[in-house]
Amino acid sequence: MNTIINTAKFTADEKLEKFINDKVAKLDRLIDRAVKCEVFLKIDKPESENNKIAEMRLYVPGNDLFVTKQADSFEQAVADCVDALKVQIEKYKNA
């Protein structure tokens, strides 16, 4: 599965990109028909807590699965997105 990482007003370092790719790879094992996963990272009000936002769109034929999570770090937000997508994938498979 192809993973595309988009950032708003900053550049993600290699460590963060590797973390995201590793997490998305786990989704690939759950659903074999996924075409690609787009990850959007942005910062909401830099001076506040819980200001890192991750959005993930998983492209599946016939349906796109989408989730948004906000946390103190991008790693936590991405991990929360992956957990939420796992639930959506189970619902998609059982539908």
Protein backbone atom coordinates (compact mmCIF):
# COMPACT_ATOMS: atom_id res chain seq x y z
CA MET A 1 0.00 0.00 0.00
CA ASN A 2 1.23 3.47 -0.87
CA THR A 3 1.51 5.92 2.05
CA ILE A 4 1.47 9.67 1.41
CA ILE A 5 2.40 12.03 4.25
CA ASN A 6 1.30 15.68 3.98
CA THR A 7 2.26 18.36 6.49
CA ALA A 8 0.95 21.89 6.93
CA LYS A 9 3.53 24.64 7.58
CA PHE A 10 6.32 22.32 8.78
CA THR A 11 8.44 19.42 7.56
CA ALA A 12 8.22 16.01 9.19
CA ASP A 13 11.57 14.50 10.14
CA GLU A 14 12.67 11.01 9.07
CA LYS A 15 11.92 9.52 12.50
CA LEU A 16 8.28 10.67 12.35
CA GLU A 17 7.89 9.47 8.76
CA LYS A 18 9.29 6.04 9.68
CA PHE A 19 6.92 5.85 12.67
CA ILE A 20 3.95 6.67 10.43
CA ASN A 21 4.98 4.16 7.74
CA ASP A 22 5.40 1.42 10.37
CA LYS A 23 1.95 2.10 11.84
CA VAL A 24 0.26 2.22 8.42
CA ALA A 25 1.95 -1.05 7.45
CA LYS A 26 0.03 -2.73 10.29
CA LEU A 27 -3.23 -1.60 8.65
CA ASP A 28 -2.11 -3.14 5.37
CA ARG A 29 -2.10 -6.56 7.04
CA LEU A 30 -5.74 -6.12 8.13
CA ILE A 31 -7.20 -5.21 4.76
CA ASP A 32 -5.61 -6.35 1.53
CA ARG A 33 -7.74 -4.24 -0.83
CA ALA A 34 -6.50 -0.86 0.41
CA VAL A 35 -4.96 1.20 -2.39
CA LYS A 36 -3.28 3.97 -0.42
CA CYS A 37 -3.29 5.85 2.86
CA GLU A 38 -3.00 9.62 3.06
CA VAL A 39 -1.81 11.13 6.33
CA PHE A 40 -2.29 14.83 7.05
CA LEU A 41 -0.40 16.42 9.94
CA LYS A 42 -1.00 19.93 11.24
CA ILE A 43 -0.50 22.02 14.35
CA ASP A 44 -3.46 23.80 15.91
CA LYS A 45 -2.50 26.88 17.97
CA PRO A 46 1.20 26.19 18.72
CA GLU A 47 1.04 27.73 22.20
CA SER A 48 -1.68 25.37 23.47
CA GLU A 49 -1.55 21.80 24.74
CA ASN A 50 -3.02 18.91 22.79
CA ASN A 51 -2.32 20.83 19.59
CA LYS A 52 -1.07 18.12 17.18
CA ILE A 53 -3.69 16.92 14.70
CA ALA A 54 -3.42 13.81 12.53
CA GLU A 55 -5.95 12.90 9.85
CA MET A 56 -5.84 9.62 7.96
CA ARG A 57 -7.76 8.60 4.85
CA LEU A 58 -7.56 4.95 3.82
CA TYR A 59 -8.59 4.45 0.20
CA VAL A 60 -10.52 1.19 -0.20
CA PRO A 61 -12.44 0.33 -3.40
CA GLY A 62 -16.03 1.45 -2.93
CA ASN A 63 -15.34 3.25 0.34
CA ASP A 64 -12.82 5.58 1.95
CA LEU A 65 -12.20 5.28 5.67
CA PHE A 66 -11.37 8.59 7.40
CA VAL A 67 -10.42 9.52 10.95
CA THR A 68 -9.10 12.61 12.76
CA LYS A 69 -7.38 12.61 16.15
CA GLN A 70 -5.76 15.30 18.29
CA ALA A 71 -3.04 14.72 20.91
CA ASP A 72 0.07 16.19 22.57
CA SER A 73 2.37 14.57 19.99
CA PHE A 74 2.08 13.51 16.38
CA GLU A 75 3.09 9.98 17.35
CA GLN A 76 0.18 9.70 19.78
CA ALA A 77 -2.28 11.24 17.31
CA VAL A 78 -1.16 8.82 14.56
CA ALA A 79 -1.38 5.84 16.93
CA ASP A 80 -4.92 6.91 17.91
CA CYS A 81 -5.85 7.24 14.22
CA VAL A 82 -4.55 3.75 13.48
CA ASP A 83 -6.55 2.31 16.39
CA ALA A 84 -9.71 4.04 15.15
CA LEU A 85 -9.10 2.81 11.60
CA LYS A 86 -8.73 -0.75 12.88
CA VAL A 87 -12.28 -0.50 14.28
CA GLN A 88 -13.56 0.95 10.99
CA ILE A 89 -11.82 -1.81 9.01
CA GLU A 90 -13.55 -4.49 11.11
CA LYS A 91 -16.92 -2.82 10.50
CA TYR A 92 -16.13 -2.56 6.77
CA LYS A 93 -15.19 -6.24 6.54
CA ASN A 94 -18.35 -7.33 8.37
CA ALA A 95 -20.69 -5.14 6.31
